[in-house]
N, C-alpha and C. Protein backbone atom coordinates (compact mmCIF):
# COMPACT_ATOMS: atom_id res chain seq x y z
N MET A 1 127.80 108.51 88.05
CA MET A 1 126.98 109.63 88.48
C MET A 1 126.41 109.37 89.86
N ASP A 2 125.94 110.42 90.48
CA ASP A 2 125.35 110.33 91.80
C ASP A 2 123.96 109.69 91.71
N THR A 3 123.74 108.64 92.50
CA THR A 3 122.44 107.97 92.46
C THR A 3 121.69 108.13 93.76
N GLU A 4 122.11 109.08 94.59
CA GLU A 4 121.42 109.31 95.86
C GLU A 4 120.05 109.93 95.61
N GLU A 5 119.13 109.55 96.47
CA GLU A 5 117.79 110.12 96.42
C GLU A 5 117.84 111.57 96.92
N GLN A 6 117.16 112.43 96.21
CA GLN A 6 117.04 113.83 96.61
C GLN A 6 115.69 114.35 96.14
N THR A 7 115.30 115.49 96.63
CA THR A 7 114.01 116.04 96.19
C THR A 7 114.19 116.76 94.87
N LEU A 8 113.10 116.91 94.16
CA LEU A 8 113.12 117.65 92.90
C LEU A 8 113.56 119.09 93.16
N LEU A 9 113.20 119.63 94.29
CA LEU A 9 113.58 121.00 94.64
C LEU A 9 115.09 121.13 94.77
N SER A 10 115.75 120.13 95.34
CA SER A 10 117.19 120.24 95.60
C SER A 10 118.07 119.75 94.46
N CYS A 11 117.52 119.10 93.45
CA CYS A 11 118.34 118.59 92.36
C CYS A 11 118.77 119.73 91.44
N PRO A 12 119.89 119.55 90.73
CA PRO A 12 120.37 120.61 89.84
C PRO A 12 119.49 120.76 88.59
N ALA A 13 119.46 121.95 88.07
CA ALA A 13 118.71 122.21 86.83
C ALA A 13 119.51 121.71 85.63
N GLY A 14 118.80 121.29 84.58
CA GLY A 14 119.43 120.88 83.35
C GLY A 14 119.90 119.44 83.30
N VAL A 15 119.67 118.69 84.37
CA VAL A 15 120.12 117.31 84.45
C VAL A 15 118.90 116.39 84.47
N PRO A 16 118.83 115.38 83.60
CA PRO A 16 117.69 114.46 83.64
C PRO A 16 117.65 113.68 84.96
N VAL A 17 116.46 113.58 85.52
CA VAL A 17 116.27 112.83 86.77
C VAL A 17 115.10 111.88 86.60
N LYS A 18 115.12 110.82 87.39
CA LYS A 18 114.05 109.82 87.37
C LYS A 18 113.26 109.93 88.67
N VAL A 19 111.94 109.95 88.57
CA VAL A 19 111.09 110.03 89.75
C VAL A 19 111.13 108.67 90.46
N LEU A 20 111.53 108.69 91.74
CA LEU A 20 111.61 107.47 92.54
C LEU A 20 110.34 107.24 93.34
N ARG A 21 109.89 108.29 94.01
CA ARG A 21 108.70 108.16 94.84
C ARG A 21 108.13 109.54 95.12
N VAL A 22 106.90 109.54 95.59
CA VAL A 22 106.21 110.78 95.93
C VAL A 22 105.67 110.65 97.34
N ALA A 23 105.96 111.63 98.18
CA ALA A 23 105.46 111.64 99.55
C ALA A 23 104.19 112.48 99.59
N GLY A 24 103.06 111.84 99.83
CA GLY A 24 101.82 112.58 99.90
C GLY A 24 100.63 111.65 99.85
N GLY A 25 99.49 112.22 100.00
CA GLY A 25 98.26 111.45 100.02
C GLY A 25 97.74 111.12 98.63
N ALA A 26 96.58 110.50 98.61
CA ALA A 26 95.97 110.04 97.36
C ALA A 26 95.67 111.21 96.42
N GLY A 27 95.21 112.32 96.95
CA GLY A 27 94.90 113.49 96.12
C GLY A 27 96.13 114.06 95.45
N PHE A 28 97.23 114.10 96.19
CA PHE A 28 98.49 114.61 95.64
C PHE A 28 99.00 113.67 94.55
N HIS A 29 98.93 112.35 94.81
CA HIS A 29 99.34 111.36 93.81
C HIS A 29 98.51 111.48 92.54
N LEU A 30 97.21 111.68 92.69
CA LEU A 30 96.32 111.82 91.54
C LEU A 30 96.65 113.08 90.75
N ARG A 31 96.90 114.17 91.45
CA ARG A 31 97.25 115.44 90.78
C ARG A 31 98.50 115.26 89.93
N LEU A 32 99.53 114.63 90.50
CA LEU A 32 100.78 114.41 89.76
C LEU A 32 100.58 113.43 88.60
N LYS A 33 99.77 112.40 88.83
CA LYS A 33 99.48 111.43 87.77
C LYS A 33 98.81 112.13 86.58
N ASN A 34 97.88 113.04 86.87
CA ASN A 34 97.20 113.78 85.81
C ASN A 34 98.16 114.68 85.03
N LEU A 35 99.25 115.11 85.68
CA LEU A 35 100.27 115.91 85.01
C LEU A 35 101.30 115.04 84.27
N GLY A 36 101.27 113.73 84.53
CA GLY A 36 102.23 112.82 83.92
C GLY A 36 103.47 112.58 84.75
N LEU A 37 103.49 113.10 85.98
CA LEU A 37 104.63 112.93 86.88
C LEU A 37 104.39 111.70 87.76
N VAL A 38 104.83 110.56 87.28
CA VAL A 38 104.63 109.31 88.01
C VAL A 38 105.97 108.64 88.25
N GLU A 39 106.00 107.70 89.20
CA GLU A 39 107.23 106.98 89.51
C GLU A 39 107.78 106.31 88.26
N GLY A 40 109.09 106.42 88.08
CA GLY A 40 109.75 105.83 86.93
C GLY A 40 109.90 106.77 85.75
N LYS A 41 109.19 107.88 85.76
CA LYS A 41 109.23 108.84 84.65
C LYS A 41 110.51 109.68 84.74
N THR A 42 111.11 109.97 83.59
CA THR A 42 112.30 110.82 83.54
C THR A 42 111.89 112.23 83.13
N LEU A 43 112.43 113.22 83.82
CA LEU A 43 112.14 114.62 83.54
C LEU A 43 113.40 115.43 83.77
N THR A 44 113.35 116.69 83.39
CA THR A 44 114.48 117.60 83.60
C THR A 44 113.98 118.85 84.29
N LYS A 45 114.61 119.21 85.38
CA LYS A 45 114.28 120.47 86.05
C LYS A 45 114.89 121.60 85.21
N VAL A 46 114.06 122.55 84.85
CA VAL A 46 114.50 123.66 84.01
C VAL A 46 114.96 124.83 84.87
N HIS A 47 114.17 125.16 85.89
CA HIS A 47 114.46 126.36 86.69
C HIS A 47 113.71 126.29 88.02
N SER A 48 114.33 126.82 89.05
CA SER A 48 113.69 127.01 90.35
C SER A 48 113.62 128.50 90.62
N HIS A 49 112.46 129.01 90.86
CA HIS A 49 112.32 130.42 91.19
C HIS A 49 112.63 130.63 92.65
N PRO A 50 113.27 131.73 92.99
CA PRO A 50 113.65 131.97 94.38
C PRO A 50 112.45 132.30 95.28
N PHE A 51 112.69 132.24 96.57
CA PHE A 51 111.72 132.65 97.59
C PHE A 51 110.43 131.85 97.55
N GLY A 52 110.54 130.54 97.29
CA GLY A 52 109.37 129.68 97.35
C GLY A 52 108.50 129.71 96.11
N GLY A 53 109.02 130.22 95.02
CA GLY A 53 108.25 130.25 93.76
C GLY A 53 108.20 128.88 93.12
N PRO A 54 107.56 128.79 91.96
CA PRO A 54 107.39 127.49 91.30
C PRO A 54 108.69 126.93 90.74
N VAL A 55 108.66 125.62 90.50
CA VAL A 55 109.76 124.90 89.88
C VAL A 55 109.27 124.49 88.49
N THR A 56 110.05 124.82 87.47
CA THR A 56 109.68 124.48 86.10
C THR A 56 110.42 123.20 85.70
N VAL A 57 109.68 122.24 85.15
CA VAL A 57 110.27 120.98 84.70
C VAL A 57 109.86 120.70 83.26
N ARG A 58 110.70 119.95 82.55
CA ARG A 58 110.38 119.51 81.20
C ARG A 58 110.11 118.02 81.27
N LEU A 59 108.95 117.63 80.80
CA LEU A 59 108.52 116.24 80.79
C LEU A 59 108.18 115.91 79.34
N GLN A 60 109.07 115.16 78.70
CA GLN A 60 108.98 114.89 77.26
C GLN A 60 109.02 116.22 76.52
N HIS A 61 107.96 116.64 75.83
CA HIS A 61 107.97 117.89 75.06
C HIS A 61 107.14 118.98 75.73
N THR A 62 106.86 118.83 77.01
CA THR A 62 106.00 119.76 77.72
C THR A 62 106.75 120.35 78.91
N GLN A 63 106.56 121.64 79.14
CA GLN A 63 107.10 122.26 80.35
C GLN A 63 105.95 122.51 81.31
N LEU A 64 106.20 122.15 82.57
CA LEU A 64 105.21 122.33 83.63
C LEU A 64 105.80 123.17 84.74
N ALA A 65 104.98 123.97 85.37
CA ALA A 65 105.38 124.70 86.57
C ALA A 65 104.63 124.07 87.73
N ILE A 66 105.39 123.58 88.71
CA ILE A 66 104.75 123.00 89.89
C ILE A 66 105.19 123.79 91.11
N GLY A 67 104.38 123.75 92.13
CA GLY A 67 104.64 124.52 93.33
C GLY A 67 105.88 124.05 94.09
N HIS A 68 106.46 124.98 94.80
CA HIS A 68 107.63 124.74 95.64
C HIS A 68 107.37 123.59 96.62
N GLY A 69 106.23 123.61 97.27
CA GLY A 69 105.87 122.56 98.23
C GLY A 69 105.70 121.20 97.57
N MET A 70 105.19 121.19 96.35
CA MET A 70 105.05 119.93 95.62
C MET A 70 106.43 119.37 95.28
N ALA A 71 107.32 120.23 94.83
CA ALA A 71 108.66 119.80 94.43
C ALA A 71 109.44 119.21 95.61
N LYS A 72 109.14 119.68 96.82
CA LYS A 72 109.82 119.15 98.02
C LYS A 72 109.38 117.73 98.34
N ARG A 73 108.24 117.29 97.80
CA ARG A 73 107.71 115.96 98.12
C ARG A 73 107.89 114.95 97.00
N ILE A 74 108.60 115.35 95.94
CA ILE A 74 108.90 114.45 94.82
C ILE A 74 110.37 114.05 94.93
N TYR A 75 110.62 112.78 95.13
CA TYR A 75 111.98 112.28 95.31
C TYR A 75 112.48 111.70 94.00
N VAL A 76 113.70 112.10 93.63
CA VAL A 76 114.28 111.74 92.33
C VAL A 76 115.71 111.25 92.51
N GLU A 77 116.24 110.65 91.45
CA GLU A 77 117.66 110.35 91.37
C GLU A 77 118.14 110.79 89.99
N ILE A 78 119.40 111.16 89.91
CA ILE A 78 119.96 111.58 88.64
C ILE A 78 120.05 110.38 87.72
N SER A 79 119.52 110.53 86.50
CA SER A 79 119.52 109.45 85.51
C SER A 79 120.91 109.29 84.92
N SER A 80 121.23 108.06 84.57
CA SER A 80 122.54 107.83 83.95
C SER A 80 122.42 107.71 82.46
């Protein structure tokens, strides 16, 4: 499988991905940590809404909607 780093926004839907790193400040890191989106965590992108809308992800048994701008700063790789 492809192991290249890509953003959560650009990764395909329906494929499990592993969070590699997050580009942002302490507040952004804390916000994601509170949602459970931390480095090393595996999640699945469910859907990307067009025109800058939210990105829906499944993290364990929970679905979250995160902003388009947030998804561009979360770097992932496709899990094997």
